[in-house]
Amino acid sequence: MATRCPNNKCSENRLWIPPRAHCPDCHTEMIWKTLPNPVIGTIYSFTEVVYAGIGIELSTPYWQVDVEIPGLATIPKSYLLYGKPTIGMKVKAEFRMKTPTNTVLDYYWVPYEQ
């Protein structure tokens, strides 16, 4: 799910992830939009995290990735579940369903193979 500004006079018509309550440009209340399934994106940048810090329940090292999704105003950040990232690599969003943490760690990316 993402949010979008419904104001036709607003110059920003793209989707936002994470969702916003109000448009950052015109302050209109945002509306919810469903993204296509599956959500496919392209790795925009990445870094290897060796020490995650307190509150991050991931085994280190792991790859933190910024993923560009067509039609989004933002470039969401998450992690690559497996594999080694490259700039331009296609990835698919997946979600932790069995033991969710109810945090941003519940969504991640996996290499996308058509």
C-alpha atoms as a PDB file:
ATOM      1  CA  MET A   1       0.000   0.000   0.000  1.00  0.00           C
ATOM      2  CA  ALA A   2       1.047   3.539  -0.734  1.00  0.00           C
ATOM      3  CA  THR A   3      -0.534   6.970  -0.507  1.00  0.00           C
ATOM      4  CA  ARG A   4      -1.205   9.586  -3.176  1.00  0.00           C
ATOM      5  CA  CYS A   5      -2.359  13.192  -3.110  1.00  0.00           C
ATOM      6  CA  PRO A   6      -5.908  13.481  -4.525  1.00  0.00           C
ATOM      7  CA  ASN A   7      -5.605  17.249  -5.151  1.00  0.00           C
ATOM      8  CA  ASN A   8      -5.734  17.763  -8.949  1.00  0.00           C
ATOM      9  CA  LYS A   9      -4.016  21.147  -8.536  1.00  0.00           C
ATOM     10  CA  CYS A  10      -1.023  19.610  -6.735  1.00  0.00           C
ATOM     11  CA  SER A  11       2.089  19.142  -8.854  1.00  0.00           C
ATOM     12  CA  GLU A  12       2.991  15.855  -7.092  1.00  0.00           C
ATOM     13  CA  ASN A  13       0.892  12.976  -8.394  1.00  0.00           C
ATOM     14  CA  ARG A  14       3.230  10.061  -7.630  1.00  0.00           C
ATOM     15  CA  LEU A  15       2.793   7.472  -4.878  1.00  0.00           C
ATOM     16  CA  TRP A  16       4.517   7.646  -1.496  1.00  0.00           C
ATOM     17  CA  ILE A  17       6.106   4.840   0.529  1.00  0.00           C
ATOM     18  CA  PRO A  18       6.208   4.967   3.481  1.00  0.00           C
ATOM     19  CA  PRO A  19       2.654   6.336   3.454  1.00  0.00           C
ATOM     20  CA  ARG A  20       2.039   9.961   4.372  1.00  0.00           C
ATOM     21  CA  ALA A  21      -1.045  11.305   6.191  1.00  0.00           C
ATOM     22  CA  HIS A  22      -0.848  14.594   4.297  1.00  0.00           C
ATOM     23  CA  CYS A  23       0.785  15.663   1.045  1.00  0.00           C
ATOM     24  CA  PRO A  24       4.178  17.225   1.763  1.00  0.00           C
ATOM     25  CA  ASP A  25       3.605  19.746  -1.062  1.00  0.00           C
ATOM     26  CA  CYS A  26      -0.004  20.983  -0.618  1.00  0.00           C
ATOM     27  CA  HIS A  27      -0.959  19.466   2.787  1.00  0.00           C
ATOM     28  CA  THR A  28      -4.086  17.732   1.419  1.00  0.00           C
ATOM     29  CA  GLU A  29      -5.069  14.515   3.195  1.00  0.00           C
ATOM     30  CA  MET A  30      -3.635  11.582   1.248  1.00  0.00           C
ATOM     31  CA  ILE A  31      -5.603   8.598  -0.083  1.00  0.00           C
ATOM     32  CA  TRP A  32      -4.564   4.934  -0.059  1.00  0.00           C
ATOM     33  CA  LYS A  33      -3.564   3.190  -3.273  1.00  0.00           C
ATOM     34  CA  THR A  34      -2.752  -0.462  -3.879  1.00  0.00           C
ATOM     35  CA  LEU A  35       0.494  -1.240  -5.658  1.00  0.00           C
ATOM     36  CA  PRO A  36       0.558  -3.878  -8.397  1.00  0.00           C
ATOM     37  CA  ASN A  37       1.398  -7.384  -7.220  1.00  0.00           C
ATOM     38  CA  PRO A  38       4.214  -8.332  -7.274  1.00  0.00           C
ATOM     39  CA  VAL A  39       6.049  -5.093  -6.472  1.00  0.00           C
ATOM     40  CA  ILE A  40       9.145  -5.041  -8.676  1.00  0.00           C
ATOM     41  CA  GLY A  41      11.870  -2.454  -8.281  1.00  0.00           C
ATOM     42  CA  THR A  42      15.444  -1.699  -9.252  1.00  0.00           C
ATOM     43  CA  ILE A  43      18.319  -1.353  -6.814  1.00  0.00           C
ATOM     44  CA  TYR A  44      19.308   2.315  -6.787  1.00  0.00           C
ATOM     45  CA  SER A  45      22.082   2.038  -4.178  1.00  0.00           C
ATOM     46  CA  PHE A  46      23.267  -0.376  -1.502  1.00  0.00           C
ATOM     47  CA  THR A  47      25.631  -0.784   1.409  1.00  0.00           C
ATOM     48  CA  GLU A  48      26.870  -3.712   3.464  1.00  0.00           C
ATOM     49  CA  VAL A  49      25.906  -3.407   7.121  1.00  0.00           C
ATOM     50  CA  VAL A  50      28.451  -5.056   9.399  1.00  0.00           C
ATOM     51  CA  TYR A  51      27.149  -3.682  12.710  1.00  0.00           C
ATOM     52  CA  ALA A  52      23.400  -3.074  12.760  1.00  0.00           C
ATOM     53  CA  GLY A  53      23.049  -1.458  16.154  1.00  0.00           C
ATOM     54  CA  ILE A  54      20.424  -1.861  18.858  1.00  0.00           C
ATOM     55  CA  GLY A  55      16.914  -2.780  17.754  1.00  0.00           C
ATOM     56  CA  ILE A  56      17.826  -4.272  14.379  1.00  0.00           C
ATOM     57  CA  GLU A  57      17.105  -7.982  14.614  1.00  0.00           C
ATOM     58  CA  LEU A  58      18.963  -8.985  11.461  1.00  0.00           C
ATOM     59  CA  SER A  59      22.045 -11.160  11.342  1.00  0.00           C
ATOM     60  CA  THR A  60      25.074  -9.238  10.190  1.00  0.00           C
ATOM     61  CA  PRO A  61      26.504  -8.690   7.737  1.00  0.00           C
ATOM     62  CA  TYR A  62      23.508  -7.925   5.484  1.00  0.00           C
ATOM     63  CA  TRP A  63      22.857  -5.757   2.441  1.00  0.00           C
ATOM     64  CA  GLN A  64      20.806  -2.618   2.974  1.00  0.00           C
ATOM     65  CA  VAL A  65      19.267  -1.561  -0.356  1.00  0.00           C
ATOM     66  CA  ASP A  66      17.517   1.518  -1.699  1.00  0.00           C
ATOM     67  CA  VAL A  67      14.992   0.434  -4.323  1.00  0.00           C
ATOM     68  CA  GLU A  68      13.505   2.591  -7.061  1.00  0.00           C
ATOM     69  CA  ILE A  69       9.910   1.624  -7.871  1.00  0.00           C
ATOM     70  CA  PRO A  70       8.236   3.089 -10.978  1.00  0.00           C
ATOM     71  CA  GLY A  71       5.657   5.744 -10.095  1.00  0.00           C
ATOM     72  CA  LEU A  72       6.948   6.405  -6.560  1.00  0.00           C
ATOM     73  CA  ALA A  73       8.068   9.812  -5.306  1.00  0.00           C
ATOM     74  CA  THR A  74      10.369   8.094  -2.816  1.00  0.00           C
ATOM     75  CA  ILE A  75      13.110   5.477  -2.875  1.00  0.00           C
ATOM     76  CA  PRO A  76      12.315   3.086  -0.014  1.00  0.00           C
ATOM     77  CA  LYS A  77      15.098   1.488   2.014  1.00  0.00           C
ATOM     78  CA  SER A  78      15.082  -2.099   3.244  1.00  0.00           C
ATOM     79  CA  TYR A  79      17.328  -5.136   3.027  1.00  0.00           C
ATOM     80  CA  LEU A  80      18.133  -7.873   0.524  1.00  0.00           C
ATOM     81  CA  LEU A  81      17.199 -11.241   2.032  1.00  0.00           C
ATOM     82  CA  TYR A  82      19.790 -13.184   0.014  1.00  0.00           C
ATOM     83  CA  GLY A  83      22.259 -12.698  -2.810  1.00  0.00           C
ATOM     84  CA  LYS A  84      24.668  -9.868  -3.559  1.00  0.00           C
ATOM     85  CA  PRO A  85      23.180  -6.603  -4.858  1.00  0.00           C
ATOM     86  CA  THR A  86      24.260  -4.672  -7.925  1.00  0.00           C
ATOM     87  CA  ILE A  87      23.107  -1.272  -9.152  1.00  0.00           C
ATOM     88  CA  GLY A  88      20.212  -1.802 -11.570  1.00  0.00           C
ATOM     89  CA  MET A  89      19.405  -5.299 -10.263  1.00  0.00           C
ATOM     90  CA  LYS A  90      15.685  -6.172 -10.396  1.00  0.00           C
ATOM     91  CA  VAL A  91      14.209  -7.151  -7.033  1.00  0.00           C
ATOM     92  CA  LYS A  92      10.796  -8.179  -5.728  1.00  0.00           C
ATOM     93  CA  ALA A  93       9.206  -7.101  -2.440  1.00  0.00           C
ATOM     94  CA  GLU A  94       8.282  -9.841   0.014  1.00  0.00           C
ATOM     95  CA  PHE A  95       6.883  -9.782   3.535  1.00  0.00           C
ATOM     96  CA  ARG A  96       7.583 -11.673   6.760  1.00  0.00           C
ATOM     97  CA  MET A  97       4.262 -13.414   7.467  1.00  0.00           C
ATOM     98  CA  LYS A  98       5.054 -16.226   9.940  1.00  0.00           C
ATOM     99  CA  THR A  99       6.651 -14.230  12.743  1.00  0.00           C
ATOM    100  CA  PRO A 100       6.093 -10.538  11.984  1.00  0.00           C
ATOM    101  CA  THR A 101       7.774  -7.929  14.143  1.00  0.00           C
ATOM    102  CA  ASN A 102       5.298  -5.194  13.173  1.00  0.00           C
ATOM    103  CA  THR A 103       8.264  -3.051  12.165  1.00  0.00           C
ATOM    104  CA  VAL A 104       9.867  -1.983   8.906  1.00  0.00           C
ATOM    105  CA  LEU A 105      11.879  -5.242   9.095  1.00  0.00           C
ATOM    106  CA  ASP A 106       8.755  -7.153   8.003  1.00  0.00           C
ATOM    107  CA  TYR A 107       9.331  -6.245   4.370  1.00  0.00           C
ATOM    108  CA  TYR A 108      12.436  -7.046   2.373  1.00  0.00           C
ATOM    109  CA  TRP A 109      13.637  -7.625  -1.175  1.00  0.00           C
ATOM    110  CA  VAL A 110      14.681 -10.756  -3.041  1.00  0.00           C
ATOM    111  CA  PRO A 111      16.326 -11.020  -6.469  1.00  0.00           C
ATOM    112  CA  TYR A 112      13.659 -11.014  -9.184  1.00  0.00           C
ATOM    113  CA  GLU A 113      13.931 -13.694 -11.803  1.00  0.00           C
ATOM    114  CA  GLN A 114      11.324 -13.626 -14.554  1.00  0.00           C
END
